[in-house]
Amino acid sequence: MKDYKNYYTIKGAPEEVYLALTNPLTMQLWTGEEAIMDTKINSEFSLFGGDINGKNLEFEEGKKIVQQWYFDQEEASVVSFLLHKKKKYTSLELRHSNIPDDEFEDVVNWWNSMFMDRLIEFYDE
């Protein structure tokens, strides 16, 4: 199992980025795919038309989101989004733990090319 951590700069306030990561309608706008999301602890979510599924573990409005992402494995894969205000933008700290070794490279590429690129582009428009 491997862990991934990276920082991304997004031209939006942390509260706006938080909504983009938790509001299903906003998520559909920047992903272009169906999203099912609720900010209730232990609620299930589905992103990118069902390609990503998991359970919501923790929310701190405008600051933090912690989720379990489902992979076929015994130990949970956990994704954390930590939002830090930096003048007129947000520094998003992404932490993804317990990524299966054989999927690590694909997961990292997906984070950078599919997820974060789309989110950053949404705020650049």
C-alpha atoms as a PDB file:
ATOM      1  CA  MET A   1       0.000   0.000   0.000  1.00  0.00           C
ATOM      2  CA  LYS A   2       1.186   3.481  -0.808  1.00  0.00           C
ATOM      3  CA  ASP A   3       0.245   7.013   0.237  1.00  0.00           C
ATOM      4  CA  TYR A   4      -0.001  10.134  -1.926  1.00  0.00           C
ATOM      5  CA  LYS A   5       0.147  13.768  -0.830  1.00  0.00           C
ATOM      6  CA  ASN A   6       0.144  16.912  -2.970  1.00  0.00           C
ATOM      7  CA  TYR A   7      -0.811  20.590  -2.848  1.00  0.00           C
ATOM      8  CA  TYR A   8      -2.885  22.416  -5.460  1.00  0.00           C
ATOM      9  CA  THR A   9      -3.620  26.123  -5.891  1.00  0.00           C
ATOM     10  CA  ILE A  10      -7.226  27.005  -6.695  1.00  0.00           C
ATOM     11  CA  LYS A  11      -8.478  30.524  -7.518  1.00  0.00           C
ATOM     12  CA  GLY A  12     -11.400  30.520  -5.128  1.00  0.00           C
ATOM     13  CA  ALA A  13     -12.102  30.958  -1.436  1.00  0.00           C
ATOM     14  CA  PRO A  14     -11.936  27.814   0.730  1.00  0.00           C
ATOM     15  CA  GLU A  15     -15.704  28.027   1.292  1.00  0.00           C
ATOM     16  CA  GLU A  16     -16.298  27.953  -2.487  1.00  0.00           C
ATOM     17  CA  VAL A  17     -13.909  25.042  -3.032  1.00  0.00           C
ATOM     18  CA  TYR A  18     -15.558  23.175  -0.159  1.00  0.00           C
ATOM     19  CA  LEU A  19     -18.932  23.549  -1.909  1.00  0.00           C
ATOM     20  CA  ALA A  20     -17.410  22.335  -5.174  1.00  0.00           C
ATOM     21  CA  LEU A  21     -16.336  19.173  -3.342  1.00  0.00           C
ATOM     22  CA  THR A  22     -19.569  18.592  -1.394  1.00  0.00           C
ATOM     23  CA  ASN A  23     -22.504  19.969  -3.419  1.00  0.00           C
ATOM     24  CA  PRO A  24     -23.635  17.409  -6.032  1.00  0.00           C
ATOM     25  CA  LEU A  25     -24.928  20.044  -8.454  1.00  0.00           C
ATOM     26  CA  THR A  26     -21.675  22.018  -8.326  1.00  0.00           C
ATOM     27  CA  MET A  27     -19.699  18.792  -8.651  1.00  0.00           C
ATOM     28  CA  GLN A  28     -21.584  17.943 -11.822  1.00  0.00           C
ATOM     29  CA  LEU A  29     -20.715  21.364 -13.251  1.00  0.00           C
ATOM     30  CA  TRP A  30     -16.957  20.900 -12.973  1.00  0.00           C
ATOM     31  CA  THR A  31     -16.736  17.126 -13.502  1.00  0.00           C
ATOM     32  CA  GLY A  32     -19.266  16.874 -16.307  1.00  0.00           C
ATOM     33  CA  GLU A  33     -20.479  13.653 -14.669  1.00  0.00           C
ATOM     34  CA  GLU A  34     -23.268  12.628 -12.304  1.00  0.00           C
ATOM     35  CA  ALA A  35     -22.414  13.038  -8.613  1.00  0.00           C
ATOM     36  CA  ILE A  36     -24.198  11.781  -5.517  1.00  0.00           C
ATOM     37  CA  MET A  37     -23.018  13.531  -2.356  1.00  0.00           C
ATOM     38  CA  ASP A  38     -24.344  14.381   1.084  1.00  0.00           C
ATOM     39  CA  THR A  39     -22.499  16.017   3.982  1.00  0.00           C
ATOM     40  CA  LYS A  40     -23.886  13.623   6.580  1.00  0.00           C
ATOM     41  CA  ILE A  41     -21.286  11.519   8.362  1.00  0.00           C
ATOM     42  CA  ASN A  42     -21.245   7.895   7.129  1.00  0.00           C
ATOM     43  CA  SER A  43     -23.306   8.776   4.039  1.00  0.00           C
ATOM     44  CA  GLU A  44     -22.311   7.036   0.812  1.00  0.00           C
ATOM     45  CA  PHE A  45     -21.143   9.026  -2.212  1.00  0.00           C
ATOM     46  CA  SER A  46     -20.621   8.379  -5.902  1.00  0.00           C
ATOM     47  CA  LEU A  47     -18.571  10.532  -8.280  1.00  0.00           C
ATOM     48  CA  PHE A  48     -17.810  10.603 -11.987  1.00  0.00           C
ATOM     49  CA  GLY A  49     -20.940   8.723 -12.948  1.00  0.00           C
ATOM     50  CA  GLY A  50     -20.293   5.919 -10.446  1.00  0.00           C
ATOM     51  CA  ASP A  51     -16.591   5.361 -11.204  1.00  0.00           C
ATOM     52  CA  ILE A  52     -15.635   6.499  -7.670  1.00  0.00           C
ATOM     53  CA  ASN A  53     -17.602   5.348  -4.632  1.00  0.00           C
ATOM     54  CA  GLY A  54     -17.106   5.628  -0.909  1.00  0.00           C
ATOM     55  CA  LYS A  55     -18.271   6.830   2.480  1.00  0.00           C
ATOM     56  CA  ASN A  56     -18.043  10.297   4.057  1.00  0.00           C
ATOM     57  CA  LEU A  57     -16.184  10.195   7.365  1.00  0.00           C
ATOM     58  CA  GLU A  58     -15.656  13.804   8.452  1.00  0.00           C
ATOM     59  CA  PHE A  59     -16.582  17.356   7.462  1.00  0.00           C
ATOM     60  CA  GLU A  60     -15.407  20.722   8.729  1.00  0.00           C
ATOM     61  CA  GLU A  61     -17.176  23.311   6.617  1.00  0.00           C
ATOM     62  CA  GLY A  62     -14.798  25.314   4.443  1.00  0.00           C
ATOM     63  CA  LYS A  63     -11.772  23.498   5.858  1.00  0.00           C
ATOM     64  CA  LYS A  64     -11.773  19.722   5.708  1.00  0.00           C
ATOM     65  CA  ILE A  65     -13.335  16.663   4.065  1.00  0.00           C
ATOM     66  CA  VAL A  66     -12.353  13.086   4.919  1.00  0.00           C
ATOM     67  CA  GLN A  67     -13.696  10.145   2.934  1.00  0.00           C
ATOM     68  CA  GLN A  68     -13.169   6.427   2.612  1.00  0.00           C
ATOM     69  CA  TRP A  69     -12.742   5.422  -1.026  1.00  0.00           C
ATOM     70  CA  TYR A  70     -13.676   1.879  -1.907  1.00  0.00           C
ATOM     71  CA  PHE A  71     -11.061  -0.391  -3.373  1.00  0.00           C
ATOM     72  CA  ASP A  72     -11.241  -4.162  -3.120  1.00  0.00           C
ATOM     73  CA  GLN A  73      -8.945  -4.441  -0.074  1.00  0.00           C
ATOM     74  CA  GLU A  74      -8.988  -5.091   3.665  1.00  0.00           C
ATOM     75  CA  GLU A  75      -7.456  -1.799   4.824  1.00  0.00           C
ATOM     76  CA  ALA A  76      -9.492   1.348   4.074  1.00  0.00           C
ATOM     77  CA  SER A  77      -8.248   3.833   1.492  1.00  0.00           C
ATOM     78  CA  VAL A  78      -8.774   7.303   2.971  1.00  0.00           C
ATOM     79  CA  VAL A  79      -8.856  10.624   1.081  1.00  0.00           C
ATOM     80  CA  SER A  80      -8.531  13.942   2.911  1.00  0.00           C
ATOM     81  CA  PHE A  81      -9.010  17.396   1.418  1.00  0.00           C
ATOM     82  CA  LEU A  82      -7.590  20.132   3.646  1.00  0.00           C
ATOM     83  CA  LEU A  83      -8.380  23.679   2.532  1.00  0.00           C
ATOM     84  CA  HIS A  84      -6.067  26.540   3.495  1.00  0.00           C
ATOM     85  CA  LYS A  85      -6.791  30.212   2.743  1.00  0.00           C
ATOM     86  CA  LYS A  86      -3.894  31.956   0.981  1.00  0.00           C
ATOM     87  CA  LYS A  87      -4.735  35.595   0.182  1.00  0.00           C
ATOM     88  CA  LYS A  88      -7.100  35.375  -2.835  1.00  0.00           C
ATOM     89  CA  TYR A  89      -6.902  31.639  -3.411  1.00  0.00           C
ATOM     90  CA  THR A  90      -7.070  28.246  -1.713  1.00  0.00           C
ATOM     91  CA  SER A  91      -4.222  25.855  -1.133  1.00  0.00           C
ATOM     92  CA  LEU A  92      -5.801  22.415  -1.301  1.00  0.00           C
ATOM     93  CA  GLU A  93      -3.800  19.730   0.475  1.00  0.00           C
ATOM     94  CA  LEU A  94      -4.715  16.289  -0.816  1.00  0.00           C
ATOM     95  CA  ARG A  95      -3.841  13.175   1.157  1.00  0.00           C
ATOM     96  CA  HIS A  96      -4.747   9.733  -0.150  1.00  0.00           C
ATOM     97  CA  SER A  97      -3.635   6.783   1.975  1.00  0.00           C
ATOM     98  CA  ASN A  98      -3.582   3.028   1.406  1.00  0.00           C
ATOM     99  CA  ILE A  99      -3.607   3.056  -2.375  1.00  0.00           C
ATOM    100  CA  PRO A 100      -3.047  -0.454  -3.739  1.00  0.00           C
ATOM    101  CA  ASP A 101       0.516  -0.744  -5.072  1.00  0.00           C
ATOM    102  CA  ASP A 102      -0.596  -1.946  -8.502  1.00  0.00           C
ATOM    103  CA  GLU A 103      -2.996   1.015  -8.852  1.00  0.00           C
ATOM    104  CA  PHE A 104      -0.783   3.784  -7.414  1.00  0.00           C
ATOM    105  CA  GLU A 105       0.506   5.254 -10.691  1.00  0.00           C
ATOM    106  CA  ASP A 106      -2.960   5.266 -12.267  1.00  0.00           C
ATOM    107  CA  VAL A 107      -4.512   6.845  -9.155  1.00  0.00           C
ATOM    108  CA  VAL A 108      -1.891   9.625  -9.023  1.00  0.00           C
ATOM    109  CA  ASN A 109      -2.327  10.326 -12.748  1.00  0.00           C
ATOM    110  CA  TRP A 110      -6.102  10.404 -12.278  1.00  0.00           C
ATOM    111  CA  TRP A 111      -5.827  12.885  -9.386  1.00  0.00           C
ATOM    112  CA  ASN A 112      -3.692  15.230 -11.469  1.00  0.00           C
ATOM    113  CA  SER A 113      -5.242  14.922 -14.922  1.00  0.00           C
ATOM    114  CA  MET A 114      -8.901  14.194 -14.257  1.00  0.00           C
ATOM    115  CA  PHE A 115      -9.827  15.491 -10.826  1.00  0.00           C
ATOM    116  CA  MET A 116      -7.612  18.442  -9.928  1.00  0.00           C
ATOM    117  CA  ASP A 117      -7.153  19.749 -13.468  1.00  0.00           C
ATOM    118  CA  ARG A 118     -10.936  19.956 -13.868  1.00  0.00           C
ATOM    119  CA  LEU A 119     -11.431  21.589 -10.467  1.00  0.00           C
ATOM    120  CA  ILE A 120      -8.681  24.162 -11.066  1.00  0.00           C
ATOM    121  CA  GLU A 121     -10.007  24.904 -14.573  1.00  0.00           C
ATOM    122  CA  PHE A 122     -13.510  25.441 -13.161  1.00  0.00           C
ATOM    123  CA  TYR A 123     -12.182  28.344 -11.074  1.00  0.00           C
ATOM    124  CA  ASP A 124      -9.940  29.716 -13.831  1.00  0.00           C
ATOM    125  CA  GLU A 125     -12.905  30.423 -16.137  1.00  0.00           C
END
